[in-house]
Amino acid sequence: DDAAAAERLAGRVARLRIFENDQGKFDRSVL
């Protein structure tokens, strides 16, 4: 692993849409 991998994975975590919207669908990220 290197710094580029850390940055890439951080972006994926921040944008991972596993929070529900008003319709109960996974459509929201931690951001």
PDB file of all heavy atoms in Angstrom:
ATOM      1  N   ASP A   1       0.820  -1.211   0.000  1.00  0.00           N
ATOM      2  CA  ASP A   1       0.000   0.000   0.000  1.00  0.00           C
ATOM      3  C   ASP A   1       0.855   1.263   0.000  1.00  0.00           C
ATOM      4  O   ASP A   1       1.998   1.260   0.460  1.00  0.00           O
ATOM      5  CB  ASP A   1      -0.935   0.006   1.207  1.00  0.00           C
ATOM      6  CG  ASP A   1      -2.020  -1.054   1.092  1.00  0.00           C
ATOM      7  OD1 ASP A   1      -2.404  -1.388  -0.050  1.00  0.00           O
ATOM      8  OD2 ASP A   1      -2.474  -1.554   2.136  1.00  0.00           O
ATOM      9  N   ASP A   2       0.262   2.339  -0.520  1.00  0.00           N
ATOM     10  CA  ASP A   2       0.945   3.626  -0.560  1.00  0.00           C
ATOM     11  C   ASP A   2      -0.062   4.743  -0.294  1.00  0.00           C
ATOM     12  O   ASP A   2      -1.253   4.486  -0.090  1.00  0.00           O
ATOM     13  CB  ASP A   2       1.655   3.833  -1.898  1.00  0.00           C
ATOM     14  CG  ASP A   2       0.723   3.743  -3.103  1.00  0.00           C
ATOM     15  OD1 ASP A   2      -0.513   3.848  -2.940  1.00  0.00           O
ATOM     16  OD2 ASP A   2       1.233   3.566  -4.216  1.00  0.00           O
ATOM     17  N   ALA A   3       0.413   5.991  -0.318  1.00  0.00           N
ATOM     18  CA  ALA A   3      -0.436   7.143  -0.020  1.00  0.00           C
ATOM     19  C   ALA A   3      -1.590   7.269  -1.013  1.00  0.00           C
ATOM     20  O   ALA A   3      -2.692   7.678  -0.640  1.00  0.00           O
ATOM     21  CB  ALA A   3       0.401   8.414   0.014  1.00  0.00           C
ATOM     22  N   ALA A   4      -1.345   6.920  -2.269  1.00  0.00           N
ATOM     23  CA  ALA A   4      -2.409   6.989  -3.266  1.00  0.00           C
ATOM     24  C   ALA A   4      -3.546   6.023  -2.921  1.00  0.00           C
ATOM     25  O   ALA A   4      -4.729   6.353  -3.080  1.00  0.00           O
ATOM     26  CB  ALA A   4      -1.857   6.686  -4.656  1.00  0.00           C
ATOM     27  N   ALA A   5      -3.199   4.843  -2.432  1.00  0.00           N
ATOM     28  CA  ALA A   5      -4.215   3.867  -2.035  1.00  0.00           C
ATOM     29  C   ALA A   5      -5.016   4.390  -0.844  1.00  0.00           C
ATOM     30  O   ALA A   5      -6.239   4.230  -0.793  1.00  0.00           O
ATOM     31  CB  ALA A   5      -3.562   2.532  -1.690  1.00  0.00           C
ATOM     32  N   ALA A   6      -4.337   5.024   0.107  1.00  0.00           N
ATOM     33  CA  ALA A   6      -5.011   5.579   1.278  1.00  0.00           C
ATOM     34  C   ALA A   6      -6.002   6.667   0.862  1.00  0.00           C
ATOM     35  O   ALA A   6      -7.144   6.706   1.339  1.00  0.00           O
ATOM     36  CB  ALA A   6      -3.985   6.125   2.265  1.00  0.00           C
ATOM     37  N   GLU A   7      -5.574   7.536  -0.038  1.00  0.00           N
ATOM     38  CA  GLU A   7      -6.444   8.619  -0.509  1.00  0.00           C
ATOM     39  C   GLU A   7      -7.643   8.065  -1.279  1.00  0.00           C
ATOM     40  O   GLU A   7      -8.781   8.497  -1.093  1.00  0.00           O
ATOM     41  CB  GLU A   7      -5.646   9.580  -1.383  1.00  0.00           C
ATOM     42  CG  GLU A   7      -6.439  10.784  -1.833  1.00  0.00           C
ATOM     43  CD  GLU A   7      -5.616  11.761  -2.624  1.00  0.00           C
ATOM     44  OE1 GLU A   7      -4.397  11.570  -2.796  1.00  0.00           O
ATOM     45  OE2 GLU A   7      -6.206  12.759  -3.106  1.00  0.00           O
ATOM     46  N   ARG A   8      -7.382   7.097  -2.146  1.00  0.00           N
ATOM     47  CA  ARG A   8      -8.445   6.478  -2.940  1.00  0.00           C
ATOM     48  C   ARG A   8      -9.475   5.790  -2.038  1.00  0.00           C
ATOM     49  O   ARG A   8     -10.686   5.962  -2.211  1.00  0.00           O
ATOM     50  CB  ARG A   8      -7.825   5.481  -3.925  1.00  0.00           C
ATOM     51  CG  ARG A   8      -8.773   4.887  -4.928  1.00  0.00           C
ATOM     52  CD  ARG A   8      -8.062   4.064  -6.006  1.00  0.00           C
ATOM     53  NE  ARG A   8      -7.147   3.052  -5.491  1.00  0.00           N
ATOM     54  CZ  ARG A   8      -5.809   3.138  -5.530  1.00  0.00           C
ATOM     55  NH1 ARG A   8      -5.218   4.186  -6.067  1.00  0.00           N
ATOM     56  NH2 ARG A   8      -5.060   2.166  -5.044  1.00  0.00           N
ATOM     57  N   LEU A   9      -9.002   5.035  -1.050  1.00  0.00           N
ATOM     58  CA  LEU A   9      -9.907   4.325  -0.153  1.00  0.00           C
ATOM     59  C   LEU A   9     -10.691   5.309   0.717  1.00  0.00           C
ATOM     60  O   LEU A   9     -11.887   5.114   0.956  1.00  0.00           O
ATOM     61  CB  LEU A   9      -9.132   3.325   0.711  1.00  0.00           C
ATOM     62  CG  LEU A   9      -9.977   2.404   1.578  1.00  0.00           C
ATOM     63  CD1 LEU A   9     -10.950   1.579   0.734  1.00  0.00           C
ATOM     64  CD2 LEU A   9      -9.087   1.482   2.400  1.00  0.00           C
ATOM     65  N   ALA A  10     -10.062   6.382   1.155  1.00  0.00           N
ATOM     66  CA  ALA A  10     -10.766   7.398   1.943  1.00  0.00           C
ATOM     67  C   ALA A  10     -11.914   7.992   1.134  1.00  0.00           C
ATOM     68  O   ALA A  10     -13.024   8.197   1.654  1.00  0.00           O
ATOM     69  CB  ALA A  10      -9.793   8.485   2.391  1.00  0.00           C
ATOM     70  N   GLY A  11     -11.671   8.248  -0.140  1.00  0.00           N
ATOM     71  CA  GLY A  11     -12.721   8.772  -0.997  1.00  0.00           C
ATOM     72  C   GLY A  11     -13.879   7.802  -1.149  1.00  0.00           C
ATOM     73  O   GLY A  11     -15.052   8.197  -1.122  1.00  0.00           O
ATOM     74  N   ARG A  12     -13.566   6.537  -1.281  1.00  0.00           N
ATOM     75  CA  ARG A  12     -14.614   5.520  -1.404  1.00  0.00           C
ATOM     76  C   ARG A  12     -15.435   5.428  -0.119  1.00  0.00           C
ATOM     77  O   ARG A  12     -16.666   5.294  -0.170  1.00  0.00           O
ATOM     78  CB  ARG A  12     -13.997   4.158  -1.736  1.00  0.00           C
ATOM     79  CG  ARG A  12     -13.410   4.127  -3.153  1.00  0.00           C
ATOM     80  CD  ARG A  12     -12.923   2.758  -3.549  1.00  0.00           C
ATOM     81  NE  ARG A  12     -14.057   1.838  -3.668  1.00  0.00           N
ATOM     82  CZ  ARG A  12     -13.969   0.524  -3.555  1.00  0.00           C
ATOM     83  NH1 ARG A  12     -12.793  -0.041  -3.323  1.00  0.00           N
ATOM     84  NH2 ARG A  12     -15.022  -0.248  -3.682  1.00  0.00           N
ATOM     85  N   VAL A  13     -14.762   5.489   1.032  1.00  0.00           N
ATOM     86  CA  VAL A  13     -15.473   5.429   2.308  1.00  0.00           C
ATOM     87  C   VAL A  13     -16.375   6.654   2.463  1.00  0.00           C
ATOM     88  O   VAL A  13     -17.550   6.536   2.829  1.00  0.00           O
ATOM     89  CB  VAL A  13     -14.482   5.320   3.490  1.00  0.00           C
ATOM     90  CG1 VAL A  13     -15.179   5.573   4.827  1.00  0.00           C
ATOM     91  CG2 VAL A  13     -13.804   3.951   3.485  1.00  0.00           C
ATOM     92  N   ALA A  14     -15.844   7.831   2.194  1.00  0.00           N
ATOM     93  CA  ALA A  14     -16.614   9.066   2.362  1.00  0.00           C
ATOM     94  C   ALA A  14     -17.845   9.106   1.462  1.00  0.00           C
ATOM     95  O   ALA A  14     -18.886   9.654   1.844  1.00  0.00           O
ATOM     96  CB  ALA A  14     -15.723  10.274   2.087  1.00  0.00           C
ATOM     97  N   ARG A  15     -17.746   8.517   0.261  1.00  0.00           N
ATOM     98  CA  ARG A  15     -18.842   8.580  -0.709  1.00  0.00           C
ATOM     99  C   ARG A  15     -19.706   7.313  -0.761  1.00  0.00           C
ATOM    100  O   ARG A  15     -20.659   7.237  -1.546  1.00  0.00           O
ATOM    101  CB  ARG A  15     -18.274   8.882  -2.091  1.00  0.00           C
ATOM    102  CG  ARG A  15     -17.715  10.292  -2.193  1.00  0.00           C
ATOM    103  CD  ARG A  15     -17.254  10.637  -3.591  1.00  0.00           C
ATOM    104  NE  ARG A  15     -15.917  10.150  -3.898  1.00  0.00           N
ATOM    105  CZ  ARG A  15     -14.788  10.779  -3.568  1.00  0.00           C
ATOM    106  NH1 ARG A  15     -14.833  11.905  -2.907  1.00  0.00           N
ATOM    107  NH2 ARG A  15     -13.616  10.265  -3.896  1.00  0.00           N
ATOM    108  N   LEU A  16     -19.382   6.324   0.085  1.00  0.00           N
ATOM    109  CA  LEU A  16     -20.132   5.065   0.105  1.00  0.00           C
ATOM    110  C   LEU A  16     -21.579   5.333   0.527  1.00  0.00           C
ATOM    111  O   LEU A  16     -21.841   5.828   1.624  1.00  0.00           O
ATOM    112  CB  LEU A  16     -19.462   4.083   1.084  1.00  0.00           C
ATOM    113  CG  LEU A  16     -20.049   2.689   1.167  1.00  0.00           C
ATOM    114  CD1 LEU A  16     -19.890   1.948  -0.161  1.00  0.00           C
ATOM    115  CD2 LEU A  16     -19.361   1.920   2.285  1.00  0.00           C
ATOM    116  N   ARG A  17     -22.503   4.991  -0.348  1.00  0.00           N
ATOM    117  CA  ARG A  17     -23.916   5.305  -0.098  1.00  0.00           C
ATOM    118  C   ARG A  17     -24.598   4.126   0.599  1.00  0.00           C
ATOM    119  O   ARG A  17     -25.227   3.282  -0.048  1.00  0.00           O
ATOM    120  CB  ARG A  17     -24.607   5.658  -1.407  1.00  0.00           C
ATOM    121  CG  ARG A  17     -24.004   6.902  -2.011  1.00  0.00           C
ATOM    122  CD  ARG A  17     -24.662   7.389  -3.268  1.00  0.00           C
ATOM    123  NE  ARG A  17     -25.325   6.379  -4.072  1.00  0.00           N
ATOM    124  CZ  ARG A  17     -25.988   6.631  -5.183  1.00  0.00           C
ATOM    125  NH1 ARG A  17     -26.078   7.853  -5.620  1.00  0.00           N
ATOM    126  NH2 ARG A  17     -26.546   5.652  -5.861  1.00  0.00           N
ATOM    127  N   ILE A  18     -24.486   4.102   1.928  1.00  0.00           N
ATOM    128  CA  ILE A  18     -25.101   3.033   2.718  1.00  0.00           C
ATOM    129  C   ILE A  18     -26.045   3.582   3.789  1.00  0.00           C
ATOM    130  O   ILE A  18     -26.440   2.862   4.698  1.00  0.00           O
ATOM    131  CB  ILE A  18     -24.059   2.085   3.342  1.00  0.00           C
ATOM    132  CG1 ILE A  18     -23.092   2.811   4.249  1.00  0.00           C
ATOM    133  CG2 ILE A  18     -23.333   1.303   2.253  1.00  0.00           C
ATOM    134  CD1 ILE A  18     -22.161   1.883   5.022  1.00  0.00           C
ATOM    135  N   PHE A  19     -26.412   4.865   3.640  1.00  0.00           N
ATOM    136  CA  PHE A  19     -27.418   5.458   4.530  1.00  0.00           C
ATOM    137  C   PHE A  19     -28.687   5.645   3.719  1.00  0.00           C
ATOM    138  O   PHE A  19     -28.651   5.974   2.537  1.00  0.00           O
ATOM    139  CB  PHE A  19     -26.921   6.794   5.098  1.00  0.00           C
ATOM    140  CG  PHE A  19     -25.760   6.640   6.013  1.00  0.00           C
ATOM    141  CD1 PHE A  19     -24.462   6.708   5.523  1.00  0.00           C
ATOM    142  CD2 PHE A  19     -25.944   6.406   7.364  1.00  0.00           C
ATOM    143  CE1 PHE A  19     -23.371   6.545   6.350  1.00  0.00           C
ATOM    144  CE2 PHE A  19     -24.857   6.244   8.214  1.00  0.00           C
ATOM    145  CZ  PHE A  19     -23.567   6.311   7.706  1.00  0.00           C
ATOM    146  N   GLU A  20     -29.814   5.453   4.377  1.00  0.00           N
ATOM    147  CA  GLU A  20     -31.092   5.461   3.682  1.00  0.00           C
ATOM    148  C   GLU A  20     -31.608   6.871   3.415  1.00  0.00           C
ATOM    149  O   GLU A  20     -31.449   7.764   4.250  1.00  0.00           O
ATOM    150  CB  GLU A  20     -32.118   4.678   4.498  1.00  0.00           C
ATOM    151  CG  GLU A  20     -31.733   3.216   4.629  1.00  0.00           C
ATOM    152  CD  GLU A  20     -32.436   2.503   5.770  1.00  0.00           C
ATOM    153  OE1 GLU A  20     -32.999   3.175   6.654  1.00  0.00           O
ATOM    154  OE2 GLU A  20     -32.395   1.270   5.776  1.00  0.00           O
ATOM    155  N   ASN A  21     -32.263   7.024   2.250  1.00  0.00           N
ATOM    156  CA  ASN A  21     -32.960   8.272   1.945  1.00  0.00           C
ATOM    157  C   ASN A  21     -34.373   8.179   2.514  1.00  0.00           C
ATOM    158  O   ASN A  21     -34.708   7.216   3.220  1.00  0.00           O
ATOM    159  CB  ASN A  21     -32.941   8.560   0.441  1.00  0.00           C
ATOM    160  CG  ASN A  21     -33.680   7.499  -0.368  1.00  0.00           C
ATOM    161  OD1 ASN A  21     -34.486   6.715   0.141  1.00  0.00           O
ATOM    162  ND2 ASN A  21     -33.411   7.472  -1.666  1.00  0.00           N
ATOM    163  N   ASP A  22     -35.216   9.135   2.177  1.00  0.00           N
ATOM    164  CA  ASP A  22     -36.582   9.158   2.703  1.00  0.00           C
ATOM    165  C   ASP A  22     -37.427   7.974   2.246  1.00  0.00           C
ATOM    166  O   ASP A  22     -38.427   7.636   2.876  1.00  0.00           O
ATOM    167  CB  ASP A  22     -37.275  10.466   2.305  1.00  0.00           C
ATOM    168  CG  ASP A  22     -36.636  11.673   2.974  1.00  0.00           C
ATOM    169  OD1 ASP A  22     -35.995  11.502   4.027  1.00  0.00           O
ATOM    170  OD2 ASP A  22     -36.782  12.784   2.430  1.00  0.00           O
ATOM    171  N   GLN A  23     -37.026   7.336   1.142  1.00  0.00           N
ATOM    172  CA  GLN A  23     -37.750   6.167   0.640  1.00  0.00           C
ATOM    173  C   GLN A  23     -37.161   4.853   1.154  1.00  0.00           C
ATOM    174  O   GLN A  23     -37.584   3.777   0.758  1.00  0.00           O
ATOM    175  CB  GLN A  23     -37.744   6.149  -0.899  1.00  0.00           C
ATOM    176  CG  GLN A  23     -38.565   7.255  -1.541  1.00  0.00           C
ATOM    177  CD  GLN A  23     -37.865   8.604  -1.488  1.00  0.00           C
ATOM    178  OE1 GLN A  23     -36.664   8.678  -1.698  1.00  0.00           O
ATOM    179  NE2 GLN A  23     -38.618   9.650  -1.182  1.00  0.00           N
ATOM    180  N   GLY A  24     -36.177   4.929   2.037  1.00  0.00           N
ATOM    181  CA  GLY A  24     -35.589   3.725   2.609  1.00  0.00           C
ATOM    182  C   GLY A  24     -34.540   3.064   1.736  1.00  0.00           C
ATOM    183  O   GLY A  24     -34.120   1.943   2.012  1.00  0.00           O
ATOM    184  N   LYS A  25     -34.102   3.731   0.676  1.00  0.00           N
ATOM    185  CA  LYS A  25     -33.084   3.183  -0.230  1.00  0.00           C
ATOM    186  C   LYS A  25     -31.703   3.673   0.178  1.00  0.00           C
ATOM    187  O   LYS A  25     -31.542   4.810   0.623  1.00  0.00           O
ATOM    188  CB  LYS A  25     -33.351   3.636  -1.682  1.00  0.00           C
ATOM    189  CG  LYS A  25     -34.714   3.278  -2.199  1.00  0.00           C
ATOM    190  CD  LYS A  25     -34.818   1.826  -2.486  1.00  0.00           C
ATOM    191  CE  LYS A  25     -36.196   1.531  -3.099  1.00  0.00           C
ATOM    192  NZ  LYS A  25     -36.508   0.154  -3.091  1.00  0.00           N
ATOM    193  N   PHE A  26     -30.689   2.834  -0.006  1.00  0.00           N
ATOM    194  CA  PHE A  26     -29.305   3.241   0.249  1.00  0.00           C
ATOM    195  C   PHE A  26     -28.923   4.284  -0.804  1.00  0.00           C
ATOM    196  O   PHE A  26     -28.636   3.927  -1.947  1.00  0.00           O
ATOM    197  CB  PHE A  26     -28.364   2.049   0.150  1.00  0.00           C
ATOM    198  CG  PHE A  26     -28.373   1.139   1.345  1.00  0.00           C
ATOM    199  CD1 PHE A  26     -29.221   1.329   2.412  1.00  0.00           C
ATOM    200  CD2 PHE A  26     -27.494   0.072   1.393  1.00  0.00           C
ATOM    201  CE1 PHE A  26     -29.202   0.478   3.506  1.00  0.00           C
ATOM    202  CE2 PHE A  26     -27.464  -0.789   2.479  1.00  0.00           C
ATOM    203  CZ  PHE A  26     -28.333  -0.576   3.534  1.00  0.00           C
ATOM    204  N   ASP A  27     -28.937   5.534  -0.420  1.00  0.00           N
ATOM    205  CA  ASP A  27     -28.679   6.600  -1.383  1.00  0.00           C
ATOM    206  C   ASP A  27     -27.897   7.766  -0.788  1.00  0.00           C
ATOM    207  O   ASP A  27     -27.674   8.757  -1.450  1.00  0.00           O
ATOM    208  CB  ASP A  27     -30.014   7.102  -1.954  1.00  0.00           C
ATOM    209  CG  ASP A  27     -29.827   7.936  -3.192  1.00  0.00           C
ATOM    210  OD1 ASP A  27     -28.946   7.600  -4.006  1.00  0.00           O
ATOM    211  OD2 ASP A  27     -30.546   8.942  -3.331  1.00  0.00           O
ATOM    212  N   ARG A  28     -27.479   7.657   0.466  1.00  0.00           N
ATOM    213  CA  ARG A  28     -26.782   8.764   1.119  1.00  0.00           C
ATOM    214  C   ARG A  28     -25.454   8.284   1.691  1.00  0.00           C
ATOM    215  O   ARG A  28     -25.344   7.159   2.172  1.00  0.00           O
ATOM    216  CB  ARG A  28     -27.658   9.339   2.242  1.00  0.00           C
ATOM    217  CG  ARG A  28     -28.998   9.851   1.707  1.00  0.00           C
ATOM    218  CD  ARG A  28     -29.870  10.429   2.784  1.00  0.00           C
ATOM    219  NE  ARG A  28     -29.282  11.693   3.205  1.00  0.00           N
ATOM    220  CZ  ARG A  28     -29.380  12.174   4.432  1.00  0.00           C
ATOM    221  NH1 ARG A  28     -30.029  11.509   5.365  1.00  0.00           N
ATOM    222  NH2 ARG A  28     -28.826  13.323   4.739  1.00  0.00           N
ATOM    223  N   SER A  29     -24.474   9.162   1.635  1.00  0.00           N
ATOM    224  CA  SER A  29     -23.148   8.861   2.177  1.00  0.00           C
ATOM    225  C   SER A  29     -22.990   9.522   3.547  1.00  0.00           C
ATOM    226  O   SER A  29     -23.837  10.326   3.969  1.00  0.00           O
ATOM    227  CB  SER A  29     -22.065   9.399   1.232  1.00  0.00           C
ATOM    228  OG  SER A  29     -22.069  10.818   1.260  1.00  0.00           O
ATOM    229  N   VAL A  30     -21.896   9.230   4.209  1.00  0.00           N
ATOM    230  CA  VAL A  30     -21.610   9.874   5.484  1.00  0.00           C
ATOM    231  C   VAL A  30     -21.446  11.381   5.280  1.00  0.00           C
ATOM    232  O   VAL A  30     -21.788  12.174   6.160  1.00  0.00           O
ATOM    233  CB  VAL A  30     -20.378   9.220   6.181  1.00  0.00           C
ATOM    234  CG1 VAL A  30     -19.079   9.557   5.467  1.00  0.00           C
ATOM    235  CG2 VAL A  30     -20.309   9.573   7.644  1.00  0.00           C
ATOM    236  N   LEU A  31     -20.950  11.790   4.112  1.00  0.00           N
ATOM    237  CA  LEU A  31     -20.860  13.216   3.788  1.00  0.00           C
ATOM    238  C   LEU A  31     -22.247  13.832   3.678  1.00  0.00           C
ATOM    239  O   LEU A  31     -22.490  14.924   4.208  1.00  0.00           O
ATOM    240  CB  LEU A  31     -20.111  13.422   2.473  1.00  0.00           C
ATOM    241  CG  LEU A  31     -18.608  13.215   2.487  1.00  0.00           C
ATOM    242  CD1 LEU A  31     -18.062  13.191   1.066  1.00  0.00           C
ATOM    243  CD2 LEU A  31     -17.933  14.297   3.324  1.00  0.00           C
TER     244      LEU A  31
END
